[in-house]
Amino acid sequence: MTQHSVRHFGMVIGLKPECIPDYRVLHDGPGVRDLLNAANIRNFNIFLTMMPDGKPYEFAYYQYVGADYEADMARLNADPRNVAWLALCDPMQVPLPGHKSWTIIDSIFFQP
């Protein structure tokens, strides 16, 4: 088995305050966890916090352990179950100005 480098990703997006309860319920279920695993995504975490501006923001982190990120993401994005999942989640979120969805944020420190 070939060993691949682990890639780390961080993301941020706003969440509509009135959607927080429904968003939490969606993520308490199985969702698309199996699809994420099939796309070589591991350790996916989503954190929710109220920022000083009074708005809720989600911060997400995941690791990619595959060999072809673009191909894995293309398959994930084309999967009908993932498309349906995003159709539920996306309207609850508020992208940062100038973005259409999650904003990828730079990693500046990692402690394995």
N, C-alpha and C. Protein backbone atom coordinates (compact mmCIF):
# COMPACT_ATOMS: atom_id res chain seq x y z
N MET A 1 0.84 -1.19 0.00
CA MET A 1 0.00 0.00 0.00
C MET A 1 0.88 1.24 0.00
N THR A 2 0.58 2.17 -0.87
CA THR A 2 1.36 3.39 -0.99
C THR A 2 0.97 4.37 0.12
N GLN A 3 1.95 4.97 0.73
CA GLN A 3 1.71 5.96 1.78
C GLN A 3 1.63 7.34 1.14
N HIS A 4 0.61 8.13 1.47
CA HIS A 4 0.44 9.47 0.94
C HIS A 4 0.59 10.48 2.06
N SER A 5 1.00 11.66 1.70
CA SER A 5 1.07 12.73 2.68
C SER A 5 -0.34 13.15 3.09
N VAL A 6 -0.49 13.46 4.34
CA VAL A 6 -1.77 13.96 4.83
C VAL A 6 -1.82 15.46 4.56
N ARG A 7 -2.91 15.90 3.95
CA ARG A 7 -3.13 17.33 3.73
C ARG A 7 -4.16 17.81 4.73
N HIS A 8 -3.93 18.98 5.29
CA HIS A 8 -4.81 19.54 6.31
C HIS A 8 -5.57 20.74 5.73
N PHE A 9 -6.87 20.81 6.03
CA PHE A 9 -7.71 21.89 5.52
C PHE A 9 -8.48 22.53 6.66
N GLY A 10 -8.55 23.85 6.64
CA GLY A 10 -9.39 24.60 7.56
C GLY A 10 -10.32 25.47 6.74
N MET A 11 -11.53 25.69 7.26
CA MET A 11 -12.53 26.48 6.53
C MET A 11 -13.37 27.27 7.53
N VAL A 12 -13.99 28.33 7.03
CA VAL A 12 -14.88 29.15 7.85
C VAL A 12 -16.07 29.60 7.01
N ILE A 13 -17.23 29.72 7.68
CA ILE A 13 -18.44 30.21 7.04
C ILE A 13 -19.39 30.67 8.13
N GLY A 14 -20.26 31.60 7.82
CA GLY A 14 -21.28 32.02 8.77
C GLY A 14 -22.45 31.05 8.76
N LEU A 15 -23.25 31.13 9.82
CA LEU A 15 -24.45 30.30 9.93
C LEU A 15 -25.60 31.20 10.36
N LYS A 16 -26.73 31.08 9.68
CA LYS A 16 -27.89 31.89 10.05
C LYS A 16 -28.35 31.50 11.45
N PRO A 17 -28.48 32.47 12.36
CA PRO A 17 -28.82 32.15 13.76
C PRO A 17 -30.08 31.30 13.89
N GLU A 18 -31.07 31.58 13.08
CA GLU A 18 -32.34 30.85 13.18
C GLU A 18 -32.22 29.40 12.70
N CYS A 19 -31.12 29.09 12.03
CA CYS A 19 -30.91 27.73 11.50
C CYS A 19 -30.06 26.84 12.41
N ILE A 20 -29.53 27.40 13.48
CA ILE A 20 -28.62 26.63 14.33
C ILE A 20 -29.26 25.33 14.82
N PRO A 21 -30.47 25.34 15.38
CA PRO A 21 -31.04 24.06 15.86
C PRO A 21 -31.18 23.01 14.75
N ASP A 22 -31.69 23.40 13.59
CA ASP A 22 -31.85 22.44 12.49
C ASP A 22 -30.50 21.96 11.97
N TYR A 23 -29.53 22.84 11.92
CA TYR A 23 -28.20 22.47 11.44
C TYR A 23 -27.57 21.44 12.37
N ARG A 24 -27.74 21.65 13.68
CA ARG A 24 -27.21 20.70 14.66
C ARG A 24 -27.88 19.33 14.51
N VAL A 25 -29.20 19.32 14.33
CA VAL A 25 -29.93 18.06 14.17
C VAL A 25 -29.44 17.32 12.92
N LEU A 26 -29.27 18.04 11.81
CA LEU A 26 -28.76 17.40 10.59
C LEU A 26 -27.42 16.70 10.84
N HIS A 27 -26.55 17.38 11.58
CA HIS A 27 -25.21 16.85 11.78
C HIS A 27 -25.14 15.82 12.91
N ASP A 28 -26.21 15.65 13.66
CA ASP A 28 -26.27 14.58 14.65
C ASP A 28 -26.53 13.22 14.00
N GLY A 29 -27.09 13.24 12.81
CA GLY A 29 -27.39 12.00 12.10
C GLY A 29 -26.20 11.54 11.27
N PRO A 30 -26.43 10.48 10.48
CA PRO A 30 -25.32 9.92 9.70
C PRO A 30 -24.86 10.82 8.56
N GLY A 31 -25.77 11.67 8.05
CA GLY A 31 -25.38 12.59 6.98
C GLY A 31 -24.69 11.88 5.84
N VAL A 32 -23.54 12.40 5.47
CA VAL A 32 -22.77 11.84 4.35
C VAL A 32 -21.39 11.38 4.81
N ARG A 33 -21.32 10.93 6.05
CA ARG A 33 -20.02 10.50 6.61
C ARG A 33 -19.37 9.42 5.75
N ASP A 34 -20.17 8.47 5.25
CA ASP A 34 -19.61 7.41 4.42
C ASP A 34 -19.03 7.96 3.12
N LEU A 35 -19.67 8.99 2.57
CA LEU A 35 -19.15 9.59 1.35
C LEU A 35 -17.84 10.33 1.61
N LEU A 36 -17.75 10.98 2.77
CA LEU A 36 -16.50 11.66 3.13
C LEU A 36 -15.37 10.64 3.27
N ASN A 37 -15.67 9.52 3.92
CA ASN A 37 -14.65 8.47 4.05
C ASN A 37 -14.22 7.95 2.68
N ALA A 38 -15.18 7.73 1.79
CA ALA A 38 -14.86 7.23 0.45
C ALA A 38 -14.01 8.24 -0.33
N ALA A 39 -14.13 9.53 0.01
CA ALA A 39 -13.36 10.59 -0.64
C ALA A 39 -12.03 10.84 0.07
N ASN A 40 -11.66 9.93 0.98
CA ASN A 40 -10.39 10.01 1.69
C ASN A 40 -10.30 11.20 2.64
N ILE A 41 -11.43 11.63 3.17
CA ILE A 41 -11.48 12.69 4.17
C ILE A 41 -11.58 12.05 5.53
N ARG A 42 -10.71 12.48 6.43
CA ARG A 42 -10.66 11.94 7.79
C ARG A 42 -10.66 13.10 8.79
N ASN A 43 -11.04 12.78 10.01
CA ASN A 43 -11.00 13.74 11.12
C ASN A 43 -11.71 15.05 10.80
N PHE A 44 -12.87 14.94 10.16
CA PHE A 44 -13.64 16.13 9.82
C PHE A 44 -14.33 16.63 11.09
N ASN A 45 -14.06 17.88 11.42
CA ASN A 45 -14.64 18.51 12.60
C ASN A 45 -15.27 19.83 12.20
N ILE A 46 -16.44 20.13 12.76
CA ILE A 46 -17.07 21.44 12.58
C ILE A 46 -17.30 22.02 13.96
N PHE A 47 -16.84 23.25 14.14
CA PHE A 47 -17.00 23.97 15.40
C PHE A 47 -17.91 25.16 15.15
N LEU A 48 -18.72 25.50 16.12
CA LEU A 48 -19.64 26.63 16.01
C LEU A 48 -19.40 27.58 17.17
N THR A 49 -19.29 28.86 16.87
CA THR A 49 -19.10 29.86 17.92
C THR A 49 -19.75 31.17 17.53
N MET A 50 -20.13 31.93 18.54
CA MET A 50 -20.61 33.29 18.32
C MET A 50 -19.39 34.20 18.36
N MET A 51 -19.22 35.01 17.36
CA MET A 51 -18.08 35.91 17.30
C MET A 51 -18.47 37.26 17.91
N PRO A 52 -17.49 38.12 18.18
CA PRO A 52 -17.78 39.42 18.80
C PRO A 52 -18.76 40.29 18.01
N ASP A 53 -18.91 40.02 16.71
CA ASP A 53 -19.90 40.78 15.93
C ASP A 53 -21.33 40.31 16.19
N GLY A 54 -21.48 39.29 17.07
CA GLY A 54 -22.80 38.78 17.43
C GLY A 54 -23.35 37.75 16.46
N LYS A 55 -22.54 37.35 15.49
CA LYS A 55 -22.99 36.38 14.49
C LYS A 55 -22.33 35.03 14.71
N PRO A 56 -23.06 33.94 14.41
CA PRO A 56 -22.47 32.61 14.53
C PRO A 56 -21.62 32.26 13.30
N TYR A 57 -20.48 31.64 13.59
CA TYR A 57 -19.59 31.18 12.53
C TYR A 57 -19.21 29.74 12.79
N GLU A 58 -19.06 29.01 11.70
CA GLU A 58 -18.57 27.64 11.76
C GLU A 58 -17.12 27.63 11.32
N PHE A 59 -16.33 26.84 12.02
CA PHE A 59 -14.95 26.60 11.65
C PHE A 59 -14.81 25.10 11.46
N ALA A 60 -14.26 24.69 10.35
CA ALA A 60 -14.14 23.26 10.06
C ALA A 60 -12.69 22.91 9.81
N TYR A 61 -12.37 21.66 10.12
CA TYR A 61 -11.03 21.13 9.89
C TYR A 61 -11.19 19.69 9.41
N TYR A 62 -10.38 19.32 8.43
CA TYR A 62 -10.33 17.92 8.04
C TYR A 62 -8.96 17.59 7.47
N GLN A 63 -8.70 16.29 7.39
CA GLN A 63 -7.48 15.79 6.79
C GLN A 63 -7.84 15.00 5.54
N TYR A 64 -7.04 15.20 4.51
CA TYR A 64 -7.20 14.43 3.28
C TYR A 64 -6.04 13.45 3.20
N VAL A 65 -6.37 12.16 3.04
CA VAL A 65 -5.34 11.11 3.07
C VAL A 65 -5.19 10.37 1.73
N GLY A 66 -5.83 10.84 0.70
CA GLY A 66 -5.78 10.17 -0.59
C GLY A 66 -4.62 10.64 -1.45
N ALA A 67 -4.62 10.17 -2.70
CA ALA A 67 -3.54 10.47 -3.64
C ALA A 67 -3.95 11.48 -4.71
N ASP A 68 -5.28 11.69 -4.91
CA ASP A 68 -5.75 12.59 -5.97
C ASP A 68 -6.93 13.41 -5.44
N TYR A 69 -6.60 14.50 -4.80
CA TYR A 69 -7.60 15.35 -4.15
C TYR A 69 -8.67 15.84 -5.13
N GLU A 70 -8.23 16.33 -6.27
CA GLU A 70 -9.18 16.88 -7.25
C GLU A 70 -10.16 15.82 -7.72
N ALA A 71 -9.68 14.61 -8.01
CA ALA A 71 -10.57 13.53 -8.46
C ALA A 71 -11.52 13.11 -7.35
N ASP A 72 -11.01 12.99 -6.12
CA ASP A 72 -11.87 12.60 -5.01
C ASP A 72 -12.95 13.66 -4.76
N MET A 73 -12.58 14.93 -4.83
CA MET A 73 -13.57 15.99 -4.61
C MET A 73 -14.58 16.05 -5.76
N ALA A 74 -14.14 15.78 -6.97
CA ALA A 74 -15.06 15.76 -8.12
C ALA A 74 -16.10 14.65 -7.93
N ARG A 75 -15.64 13.46 -7.51
CA ARG A 75 -16.59 12.35 -7.27
C ARG A 75 -17.55 12.70 -6.13
N LEU A 76 -17.03 13.27 -5.05
CA LEU A 76 -17.87 13.65 -3.92
C LEU A 76 -18.89 14.69 -4.35
N ASN A 77 -18.46 15.71 -5.06
CA ASN A 77 -19.36 16.78 -5.48
C ASN A 77 -20.42 16.33 -6.48
N ALA A 78 -20.15 15.26 -7.20
CA ALA A 78 -21.10 14.73 -8.19
C ALA A 78 -22.06 13.71 -7.59
N ASP A 79 -21.77 13.22 -6.40
CA ASP A 79 -22.61 12.19 -5.80
C ASP A 79 -23.99 12.77 -5.47
N PRO A 80 -25.07 12.14 -5.93
CA PRO A 80 -26.42 12.67 -5.68
C PRO A 80 -26.75 12.86 -4.19
N ARG A 81 -26.27 11.97 -3.35
CA ARG A 81 -26.53 12.13 -1.91
C ARG A 81 -25.83 13.36 -1.35
N ASN A 82 -24.61 13.62 -1.83
CA ASN A 82 -23.90 14.81 -1.37
C ASN A 82 -24.56 16.07 -1.90
N VAL A 83 -25.01 16.04 -3.14
CA VAL A 83 -25.73 17.18 -3.72
C VAL A 83 -26.97 17.47 -2.89
N ALA A 84 -27.71 16.44 -2.51
CA ALA A 84 -28.92 16.61 -1.70
C ALA A 84 -28.57 17.14 -0.31
N TRP A 85 -27.47 16.64 0.28
CA TRP A 85 -27.02 17.10 1.60
C TRP A 85 -26.69 18.59 1.56
N LEU A 86 -25.94 18.99 0.54
CA LEU A 86 -25.57 20.40 0.42
C LEU A 86 -26.79 21.28 0.16
N ALA A 87 -27.79 20.74 -0.53
CA ALA A 87 -29.03 21.50 -0.77
C ALA A 87 -29.75 21.78 0.55
N LEU A 88 -29.56 20.94 1.55
CA LEU A 88 -30.13 21.18 2.88
C LEU A 88 -29.28 22.17 3.68
N CYS A 89 -27.97 21.98 3.64
CA CYS A 89 -27.06 22.76 4.49
C CYS A 89 -26.74 24.15 3.95
N ASP A 90 -26.50 24.25 2.65
CA ASP A 90 -26.04 25.52 2.08
C ASP A 90 -26.96 26.70 2.37
N PRO A 91 -28.29 26.56 2.28
CA PRO A 91 -29.16 27.71 2.55
C PRO A 91 -29.10 28.20 4.00
N MET A 92 -28.59 27.36 4.90
CA MET A 92 -28.47 27.74 6.31
C MET A 92 -27.21 28.56 6.57
N GLN A 93 -26.30 28.55 5.62
CA GLN A 93 -25.00 29.17 5.82
C GLN A 93 -24.92 30.54 5.15
N VAL A 94 -23.98 31.34 5.66
CA VAL A 94 -23.74 32.68 5.14
C VAL A 94 -22.26 32.78 4.76
N PRO A 95 -21.94 32.65 3.47
CA PRO A 95 -20.54 32.75 3.07
C PRO A 95 -19.95 34.12 3.41
N LEU A 96 -18.65 34.14 3.61
CA LEU A 96 -17.97 35.41 3.84
C LEU A 96 -18.05 36.25 2.57
N PRO A 97 -17.96 37.57 2.69
CA PRO A 97 -18.03 38.42 1.50
C PRO A 97 -17.02 37.99 0.44
N GLY A 98 -17.49 37.91 -0.80
CA GLY A 98 -16.64 37.51 -1.92
C GLY A 98 -16.51 36.02 -2.13
N HIS A 99 -17.21 35.23 -1.31
CA HIS A 99 -17.14 33.77 -1.44
C HIS A 99 -18.53 33.20 -1.67
N LYS A 100 -18.58 32.02 -2.28
CA LYS A 100 -19.87 31.38 -2.58
C LYS A 100 -20.21 30.29 -1.57
N SER A 101 -19.23 29.83 -0.81
CA SER A 101 -19.43 28.77 0.16
C SER A 101 -18.37 28.92 1.23
N TRP A 102 -17.94 27.79 1.79
CA TRP A 102 -16.89 27.81 2.79
C TRP A 102 -15.65 28.53 2.25
N THR A 103 -14.99 29.31 3.10
CA THR A 103 -13.73 29.94 2.76
C THR A 103 -12.60 29.09 3.33
N ILE A 104 -11.68 28.67 2.47
CA ILE A 104 -10.51 27.92 2.92
C ILE A 104 -9.60 28.89 3.65
N ILE A 105 -9.13 28.48 4.84
CA ILE A 105 -8.23 29.34 5.61
C ILE A 105 -6.86 28.69 5.68
N ASP A 106 -5.84 29.53 5.77
CA ASP A 106 -4.46 29.06 5.77
C ASP A 106 -4.10 28.41 7.10
N SER A 107 -3.36 27.33 7.00
CA SER A 107 -2.78 26.69 8.18
C SER A 107 -1.45 27.36 8.47
N ILE A 108 -1.28 27.84 9.69
CA ILE A 108 0.00 28.47 10.03
C ILE A 108 0.75 27.71 11.12
N PHE A 109 0.11 26.68 11.71
CA PHE A 109 0.77 25.88 12.73
C PHE A 109 0.09 24.53 12.81
N PHE A 110 0.90 23.48 12.95
CA PHE A 110 0.36 22.14 13.13
C PHE A 110 1.25 21.39 14.11
N GLN A 111 0.65 20.78 15.12
CA GLN A 111 1.36 19.95 16.09
C GLN A 111 0.79 18.54 16.00
N PRO A 112 1.52 17.63 15.35
CA PRO A 112 1.00 16.26 15.23
C PRO A 112 0.99 15.52 16.56
